[in-house]
Amino acid sequence: MTTRSTRIVVVSAGLSVPSSTRLLADKLGSAVERAVGARGHEVDVEHVELRPLAHALADHLLTGFPSGDLARAIEAVRHADGLVVVTPVFSASYSGLFKTFFDVLENGMLDGKPVVIAATAGTARHSLVLDHALRPLLAYLRAVVVPTGVFAASEDFGATDDGALDKRVERAAGELAALLGGPAAAEATAPRRRSVEAEFAAPTPFEQLLREAGGDTVR
């Protein structure tokens, strides 16, 4: 029996060419492909660039009907098993182009769909956009947003980068892969909870609790 590939769609809303938003989208797409592939699944990653679709999106808002490449992009999102969405930051929020794409999606299209959220900006001062704008938007659309969002400022792509961006990318990709692997896979990656009796008999060291709160689970 032939097994269908896991479909990942990466949506990026960069406006310039080349774009740091597309660069981050490529990083995340590659990381998700590796993470899902490591679980034994075949992976099909498709990139949807919104910049060439700007006019079609405006037409769709006016007519209610998608056409051409926009219709194909919407269908790709509809049939995706998981999404990676990346936007530049404008006025402390996602871009209008990014928001317009999600405005034209049919109600329910993202229900239960696992999503990695990501954003780019000139400085780290905009990093809160992940939790103040992107996460509420995707939660409203009833998507399942992974715990780790990925924000990249200009310096994260520079020669002085300490690898922190790649670590966030890999963590977010791993969380998406765990959700795509189903409940059993997600349970396997979750921290094992000790019983109350075990905690009283041998309390967990405070240092370990701090590591686990930061995502460095010690089993």
C-alpha atoms as a PDB file:
ATOM      1  CA  MET A   1       0.000   0.000   0.000  1.00  0.00           C
ATOM      2  CA  THR A   2       1.353   3.424  -0.957  1.00  0.00           C
ATOM      3  CA  THR A   3       1.700   5.898   1.915  1.00  0.00           C
ATOM      4  CA  ARG A   4       0.846   9.510   1.181  1.00  0.00           C
ATOM      5  CA  SER A   5       3.603  12.039   1.824  1.00  0.00           C
ATOM      6  CA  THR A   6       3.210  14.455   4.717  1.00  0.00           C
ATOM      7  CA  ARG A   7       2.378  17.795   3.119  1.00  0.00           C
ATOM      8  CA  ILE A   8       3.946  20.935   4.576  1.00  0.00           C
ATOM      9  CA  VAL A   9       3.115  24.369   3.166  1.00  0.00           C
ATOM     10  CA  VAL A  10       5.375  27.318   4.000  1.00  0.00           C
ATOM     11  CA  VAL A  11       3.624  30.689   3.592  1.00  0.00           C
ATOM     12  CA  SER A  12       5.899  33.743   3.501  1.00  0.00           C
ATOM     13  CA  ALA A  13       4.886  37.381   3.056  1.00  0.00           C
ATOM     14  CA  GLY A  14       8.196  39.107   2.359  1.00  0.00           C
ATOM     15  CA  LEU A  15       8.007  42.173   0.133  1.00  0.00           C
ATOM     16  CA  SER A  16      11.605  42.616  -0.975  1.00  0.00           C
ATOM     17  CA  VAL A  17      13.770  40.453  -3.229  1.00  0.00           C
ATOM     18  CA  PRO A  18      15.827  38.954  -1.679  1.00  0.00           C
ATOM     19  CA  SER A  19      13.863  38.861   1.563  1.00  0.00           C
ATOM     20  CA  SER A  20      14.894  38.001   5.115  1.00  0.00           C
ATOM     21  CA  THR A  21      11.334  36.703   5.544  1.00  0.00           C
ATOM     22  CA  ARG A  22      11.845  34.200   2.719  1.00  0.00           C
ATOM     23  CA  LEU A  23      15.258  33.298   4.148  1.00  0.00           C
ATOM     24  CA  LEU A  24      13.668  32.437   7.495  1.00  0.00           C
ATOM     25  CA  ALA A  25      10.887  30.571   5.707  1.00  0.00           C
ATOM     26  CA  ASP A  26      13.473  28.474   3.857  1.00  0.00           C
ATOM     27  CA  LYS A  27      15.274  27.687   7.123  1.00  0.00           C
ATOM     28  CA  LEU A  28      12.051  26.553   8.748  1.00  0.00           C
ATOM     29  CA  GLY A  29      10.935  24.550   5.727  1.00  0.00           C
ATOM     30  CA  SER A  30      14.226  22.654   5.628  1.00  0.00           C
ATOM     31  CA  ALA A  31      14.171  22.051   9.388  1.00  0.00           C
ATOM     32  CA  VAL A  32      10.602  20.718   9.289  1.00  0.00           C
ATOM     33  CA  GLU A  33      11.490  18.453   6.371  1.00  0.00           C
ATOM     34  CA  ARG A  34      14.378  16.996   8.390  1.00  0.00           C
ATOM     35  CA  ALA A  35      12.346  16.660  11.592  1.00  0.00           C
ATOM     36  CA  VAL A  36       9.392  14.956   9.922  1.00  0.00           C
ATOM     37  CA  GLY A  37      11.680  12.783   7.789  1.00  0.00           C
ATOM     38  CA  ALA A  38      13.518  11.642  10.921  1.00  0.00           C
ATOM     39  CA  ARG A  39      10.234  10.082  12.094  1.00  0.00           C
ATOM     40  CA  GLY A  40      10.121   7.887   9.008  1.00  0.00           C
ATOM     41  CA  HIS A  41       7.634   9.930   6.988  1.00  0.00           C
ATOM     42  CA  GLU A  42       7.998  11.034   3.405  1.00  0.00           C
ATOM     43  CA  VAL A  43       7.755  14.831   3.263  1.00  0.00           C
ATOM     44  CA  ASP A  44       6.551  17.197   0.557  1.00  0.00           C
ATOM     45  CA  VAL A  45       7.357  20.854   1.303  1.00  0.00           C
ATOM     46  CA  GLU A  46       5.698  23.530  -0.829  1.00  0.00           C
ATOM     47  CA  HIS A  47       6.463  27.256  -0.594  1.00  0.00           C
ATOM     48  CA  VAL A  48       3.739  29.854  -1.125  1.00  0.00           C
ATOM     49  CA  GLU A  49       5.177  33.343  -1.692  1.00  0.00           C
ATOM     50  CA  LEU A  50       2.492  35.993  -1.212  1.00  0.00           C
ATOM     51  CA  ARG A  51       4.243  38.902  -2.934  1.00  0.00           C
ATOM     52  CA  PRO A  52       3.336  37.755  -6.486  1.00  0.00           C
ATOM     53  CA  LEU A  53      -0.237  37.144  -5.310  1.00  0.00           C
ATOM     54  CA  ALA A  54      -0.902  40.695  -4.044  1.00  0.00           C
ATOM     55  CA  HIS A  55      -3.092  41.773  -6.972  1.00  0.00           C
ATOM     56  CA  ALA A  56      -5.000  38.487  -6.992  1.00  0.00           C
ATOM     57  CA  LEU A  57      -5.648  38.863  -3.261  1.00  0.00           C
ATOM     58  CA  ALA A  58      -7.084  42.360  -3.774  1.00  0.00           C
ATOM     59  CA  ASP A  59      -9.289  41.034  -6.579  1.00  0.00           C
ATOM     60  CA  HIS A  60     -10.463  38.193  -4.357  1.00  0.00           C
ATOM     61  CA  LEU A  61     -11.485  40.639  -1.627  1.00  0.00           C
ATOM     62  CA  LEU A  62     -13.634  42.495  -4.179  1.00  0.00           C
ATOM     63  CA  THR A  63     -15.096  39.559  -6.099  1.00  0.00           C
ATOM     64  CA  GLY A  64     -15.045  36.710  -3.604  1.00  0.00           C
ATOM     65  CA  PHE A  65     -13.418  34.384  -6.131  1.00  0.00           C
ATOM     66  CA  PRO A  66      -9.742  33.326  -6.220  1.00  0.00           C
ATOM     67  CA  SER A  67      -8.058  32.766  -9.556  1.00  0.00           C
ATOM     68  CA  GLY A  68      -4.906  31.255 -11.003  1.00  0.00           C
ATOM     69  CA  ASP A  69      -1.938  30.968  -8.663  1.00  0.00           C
ATOM     70  CA  LEU A  70      -3.940  32.262  -5.693  1.00  0.00           C
ATOM     71  CA  ALA A  71      -6.515  29.500  -6.102  1.00  0.00           C
ATOM     72  CA  ARG A  72      -3.695  26.948  -6.224  1.00  0.00           C
ATOM     73  CA  ALA A  73      -2.085  28.456  -3.095  1.00  0.00           C
ATOM     74  CA  ILE A  74      -5.364  28.249  -1.185  1.00  0.00           C
ATOM     75  CA  GLU A  75      -5.828  24.632  -2.244  1.00  0.00           C
ATOM     76  CA  ALA A  76      -2.291  23.852  -1.091  1.00  0.00           C
ATOM     77  CA  VAL A  77      -3.135  25.234   2.355  1.00  0.00           C
ATOM     78  CA  ARG A  78      -6.415  23.326   2.395  1.00  0.00           C
ATOM     79  CA  HIS A  79      -4.689  19.986   1.808  1.00  0.00           C
ATOM     80  CA  ALA A  80      -1.603  20.645   3.950  1.00  0.00           C
ATOM     81  CA  ASP A  81      -0.951  18.492   6.997  1.00  0.00           C
ATOM     82  CA  GLY A  82       1.000  21.325   8.625  1.00  0.00           C
ATOM     83  CA  LEU A  83       1.900  24.948   7.982  1.00  0.00           C
ATOM     84  CA  VAL A  84       4.801  27.298   8.536  1.00  0.00           C
ATOM     85  CA  VAL A  85       3.752  30.960   8.321  1.00  0.00           C
ATOM     86  CA  VAL A  86       6.244  33.829   8.220  1.00  0.00           C
ATOM     87  CA  THR A  87       5.594  37.576   8.063  1.00  0.00           C
ATOM     88  CA  PRO A  88       7.646  40.754   8.224  1.00  0.00           C
ATOM     89  CA  VAL A  89       6.628  43.166  10.973  1.00  0.00           C
ATOM     90  CA  PHE A  90       4.919  46.451  10.072  1.00  0.00           C
ATOM     91  CA  SER A  91       3.616  48.864  12.730  1.00  0.00           C
ATOM     92  CA  ALA A  92       4.183  46.280  15.477  1.00  0.00           C
ATOM     93  CA  SER A  93       2.074  43.601  13.783  1.00  0.00           C
ATOM     94  CA  TYR A  94       1.913  41.235  10.803  1.00  0.00           C
ATOM     95  CA  SER A  95       1.891  42.782   7.340  1.00  0.00           C
ATOM     96  CA  GLY A  96      -1.329  43.656   5.496  1.00  0.00           C
ATOM     97  CA  LEU A  97      -0.392  41.204   2.734  1.00  0.00           C
ATOM     98  CA  PHE A  98      -0.040  38.392   5.274  1.00  0.00           C
ATOM     99  CA  LYS A  99      -3.368  39.218   6.956  1.00  0.00           C
ATOM    100  CA  THR A 100      -5.194  39.492   3.624  1.00  0.00           C
ATOM    101  CA  PHE A 101      -4.216  35.945   2.688  1.00  0.00           C
ATOM    102  CA  PHE A 102      -5.740  34.577   5.878  1.00  0.00           C
ATOM    103  CA  ASP A 103      -8.780  36.814   5.442  1.00  0.00           C
ATOM    104  CA  VAL A 104      -9.687  35.087   2.174  1.00  0.00           C
ATOM    105  CA  LEU A 105      -9.408  31.521   3.487  1.00  0.00           C
ATOM    106  CA  GLU A 106     -12.711  29.753   3.986  1.00  0.00           C
ATOM    107  CA  ASN A 107     -14.027  29.338   7.511  1.00  0.00           C
ATOM    108  CA  GLY A 108     -12.776  26.118   9.056  1.00  0.00           C
ATOM    109  CA  MET A 109      -9.905  25.581   6.623  1.00  0.00           C
ATOM    110  CA  LEU A 110      -7.312  25.730   9.408  1.00  0.00           C
ATOM    111  CA  ASP A 111      -9.309  23.821  12.029  1.00  0.00           C
ATOM    112  CA  GLY A 112      -6.897  21.593  13.966  1.00  0.00           C
ATOM    113  CA  LYS A 113      -4.040  22.195  11.535  1.00  0.00           C
ATOM    114  CA  PRO A 114      -0.586  22.345  13.220  1.00  0.00           C
ATOM    115  CA  VAL A 115       1.233  25.622  12.529  1.00  0.00           C
ATOM    116  CA  VAL A 116       4.646  27.159  13.214  1.00  0.00           C
ATOM    117  CA  ILE A 117       4.504  30.951  13.467  1.00  0.00           C
ATOM    118  CA  ALA A 118       7.499  33.143  12.610  1.00  0.00           C
ATOM    119  CA  ALA A 119       8.322  36.797  11.961  1.00  0.00           C
ATOM    120  CA  THR A 120      11.196  39.029  10.893  1.00  0.00           C
ATOM    121  CA  ALA A 121      12.005  42.648  11.725  1.00  0.00           C
ATOM    122  CA  GLY A 122      14.892  45.083  11.896  1.00  0.00           C
ATOM    123  CA  THR A 123      15.334  44.860  15.673  1.00  0.00           C
ATOM    124  CA  ALA A 124      14.476  42.473  18.483  1.00  0.00           C
ATOM    125  CA  ARG A 125      12.100  45.078  19.954  1.00  0.00           C
ATOM    126  CA  HIS A 126       9.393  43.622  17.710  1.00  0.00           C
ATOM    127  CA  SER A 127       9.712  40.045  18.981  1.00  0.00           C
ATOM    128  CA  LEU A 128       6.484  40.252  21.003  1.00  0.00           C
ATOM    129  CA  VAL A 129       4.572  40.273  17.712  1.00  0.00           C
ATOM    130  CA  LEU A 130       4.571  36.476  17.886  1.00  0.00           C
ATOM    131  CA  ASP A 131       2.432  36.352  21.014  1.00  0.00           C
ATOM    132  CA  HIS A 132       0.526  39.634  20.644  1.00  0.00           C
ATOM    133  CA  ALA A 133      -0.519  39.284  16.993  1.00  0.00           C
ATOM    134  CA  LEU A 134       0.341  36.031  15.237  1.00  0.00           C
ATOM    135  CA  ARG A 135      -0.648  33.566  17.938  1.00  0.00           C
ATOM    136  CA  PRO A 136      -4.087  35.161  18.563  1.00  0.00           C
ATOM    137  CA  LEU A 137      -4.789  35.282  14.803  1.00  0.00           C
ATOM    138  CA  LEU A 138      -4.029  31.593  14.273  1.00  0.00           C
ATOM    139  CA  ALA A 139      -5.836  30.618  17.478  1.00  0.00           C
ATOM    140  CA  TYR A 140      -8.929  32.498  16.251  1.00  0.00           C
ATOM    141  CA  LEU A 141      -8.729  30.476  13.027  1.00  0.00           C
ATOM    142  CA  ARG A 142      -8.652  27.348  15.251  1.00  0.00           C
ATOM    143  CA  ALA A 143      -5.221  26.209  14.125  1.00  0.00           C
ATOM    144  CA  VAL A 144      -2.956  24.398  16.602  1.00  0.00           C
ATOM    145  CA  VAL A 145       0.071  26.664  17.080  1.00  0.00           C
ATOM    146  CA  VAL A 146       3.250  24.971  18.325  1.00  0.00           C
ATOM    147  CA  PRO A 147       4.699  26.361  21.583  1.00  0.00           C
ATOM    148  CA  THR A 148       7.872  27.783  20.034  1.00  0.00           C
ATOM    149  CA  GLY A 149       7.506  30.803  17.764  1.00  0.00           C
ATOM    150  CA  VAL A 150      10.521  31.955  15.762  1.00  0.00           C
ATOM    151  CA  PHE A 151      11.489  35.614  15.542  1.00  0.00           C
ATOM    152  CA  ALA A 152      14.526  36.823  13.605  1.00  0.00           C
ATOM    153  CA  ALA A 153      15.973  40.335  13.737  1.00  0.00           C
ATOM    154  CA  SER A 154      18.518  41.576  11.212  1.00  0.00           C
ATOM    155  CA  GLU A 155      21.449  40.670  13.455  1.00  0.00           C
ATOM    156  CA  ASP A 156      20.303  37.047  13.616  1.00  0.00           C
ATOM    157  CA  PHE A 157      21.370  36.636   9.999  1.00  0.00           C
ATOM    158  CA  GLY A 158      24.761  38.321  10.505  1.00  0.00           C
ATOM    159  CA  ALA A 159      28.249  36.947  10.936  1.00  0.00           C
ATOM    160  CA  THR A 160      27.996  37.423  14.726  1.00  0.00           C
ATOM    161  CA  ASP A 161      25.016  35.071  15.033  1.00  0.00           C
ATOM    162  CA  ASP A 162      25.631  32.635  17.914  1.00  0.00           C
ATOM    163  CA  GLY A 163      23.387  29.920  16.548  1.00  0.00           C
ATOM    164  CA  ALA A 164      20.409  30.885  18.716  1.00  0.00           C
ATOM    165  CA  LEU A 165      18.180  31.349  15.668  1.00  0.00           C
ATOM    166  CA  ASP A 166      18.992  27.881  14.337  1.00  0.00           C
ATOM    167  CA  LYS A 167      18.208  26.406  17.762  1.00  0.00           C
ATOM    168  CA  ARG A 168      14.779  28.074  17.795  1.00  0.00           C
ATOM    169  CA  VAL A 169      14.138  26.915  14.245  1.00  0.00           C
ATOM    170  CA  GLU A 170      15.021  23.313  15.094  1.00  0.00           C
ATOM    171  CA  ARG A 171      12.913  23.342  18.243  1.00  0.00           C
ATOM    172  CA  ALA A 172       9.850  24.686  16.439  1.00  0.00           C
ATOM    173  CA  ALA A 173      10.339  22.151  13.635  1.00  0.00           C
ATOM    174  CA  GLY A 174      10.554  19.323  16.158  1.00  0.00           C
ATOM    175  CA  GLU A 175       7.332  20.437  17.838  1.00  0.00           C
ATOM    176  CA  LEU A 176       5.522  20.501  14.502  1.00  0.00           C
ATOM    177  CA  ALA A 177       6.867  17.055  13.635  1.00  0.00           C
ATOM    178  CA  ALA A 178       5.622  15.720  16.995  1.00  0.00           C
ATOM    179  CA  LEU A 179       2.109  16.983  16.274  1.00  0.00           C
ATOM    180  CA  LEU A 180       2.165  15.542  12.775  1.00  0.00           C
ATOM    181  CA  GLY A 181       3.265  12.215  14.197  1.00  0.00           C
ATOM    182  CA  GLY A 182      -0.075  11.851  16.003  1.00  0.00           C
ATOM    183  CA  PRO A 183      -0.993  11.475  19.668  1.00  0.00           C
ATOM    184  CA  ALA A 184       1.439   8.617  20.253  1.00  0.00           C
ATOM    185  CA  ALA A 185       4.389  10.634  18.978  1.00  0.00           C
ATOM    186  CA  ALA A 186       3.339  13.708  20.925  1.00  0.00           C
ATOM    187  CA  GLU A 187       3.035  11.613  24.086  1.00  0.00           C
ATOM    188  CA  ALA A 188       6.483  10.161  23.506  1.00  0.00           C
ATOM    189  CA  THR A 189       8.018  13.646  23.369  1.00  0.00           C
ATOM    190  CA  ALA A 190       6.117  14.978  26.405  1.00  0.00           C
ATOM    191  CA  PRO A 191       7.805  15.154  29.837  1.00  0.00           C
ATOM    192  CA  ARG A 192       7.007  12.210  32.051  1.00  0.00           C
ATOM    193  CA  ARG A 193       5.068  13.357  35.106  1.00  0.00           C
ATOM    194  CA  ARG A 194       5.992  11.886  38.470  1.00  0.00           C
ATOM    195  CA  SER A 195       3.390  10.865  41.001  1.00  0.00           C
ATOM    196  CA  VAL A 196       2.758  12.986  44.095  1.00  0.00           C
ATOM    197  CA  GLU A 197       4.143  10.191  46.266  1.00  0.00           C
ATOM    198  CA  ALA A 198       7.359  10.064  44.240  1.00  0.00           C
ATOM    199  CA  GLU A 199       7.814  13.836  44.521  1.00  0.00           C
ATOM    200  CA  PHE A 200       7.461  13.742  48.310  1.00  0.00           C
ATOM    201  CA  ALA A 201       9.859  10.800  48.563  1.00  0.00           C
ATOM    202  CA  ALA A 202      12.524  12.391  46.330  1.00  0.00           C
ATOM    203  CA  PRO A 203      11.733  16.004  45.306  1.00  0.00           C
ATOM    204  CA  THR A 204      12.868  17.121  41.863  1.00  0.00           C
ATOM    205  CA  PRO A 205      15.874  19.484  42.161  1.00  0.00           C
ATOM    206  CA  PHE A 206      15.006  23.126  41.551  1.00  0.00           C
ATOM    207  CA  GLU A 207      17.686  23.393  38.835  1.00  0.00           C
ATOM    208  CA  GLN A 208      16.006  20.586  36.884  1.00  0.00           C
ATOM    209  CA  LEU A 209      12.614  22.281  37.180  1.00  0.00           C
ATOM    210  CA  LEU A 210      14.135  25.443  35.713  1.00  0.00           C
ATOM    211  CA  ARG A 211      15.656  23.489  32.801  1.00  0.00           C
ATOM    212  CA  GLU A 212      12.334  21.785  32.060  1.00  0.00           C
ATOM    213  CA  ALA A 213      10.493  25.116  32.172  1.00  0.00           C
ATOM    214  CA  GLY A 214      12.915  26.380  29.548  1.00  0.00           C
ATOM    215  CA  GLY A 215      12.266  23.387  27.308  1.00  0.00           C
ATOM    216  CA  ASP A 216      15.375  21.349  28.212  1.00  0.00           C
ATOM    217  CA  THR A 217      13.552  18.289  29.517  1.00  0.00           C
ATOM    218  CA  VAL A 218      15.566  15.838  31.580  1.00  0.00           C
ATOM    219  CA  ARG A 219      14.122  12.347  31.571  1.00  0.00           C
END
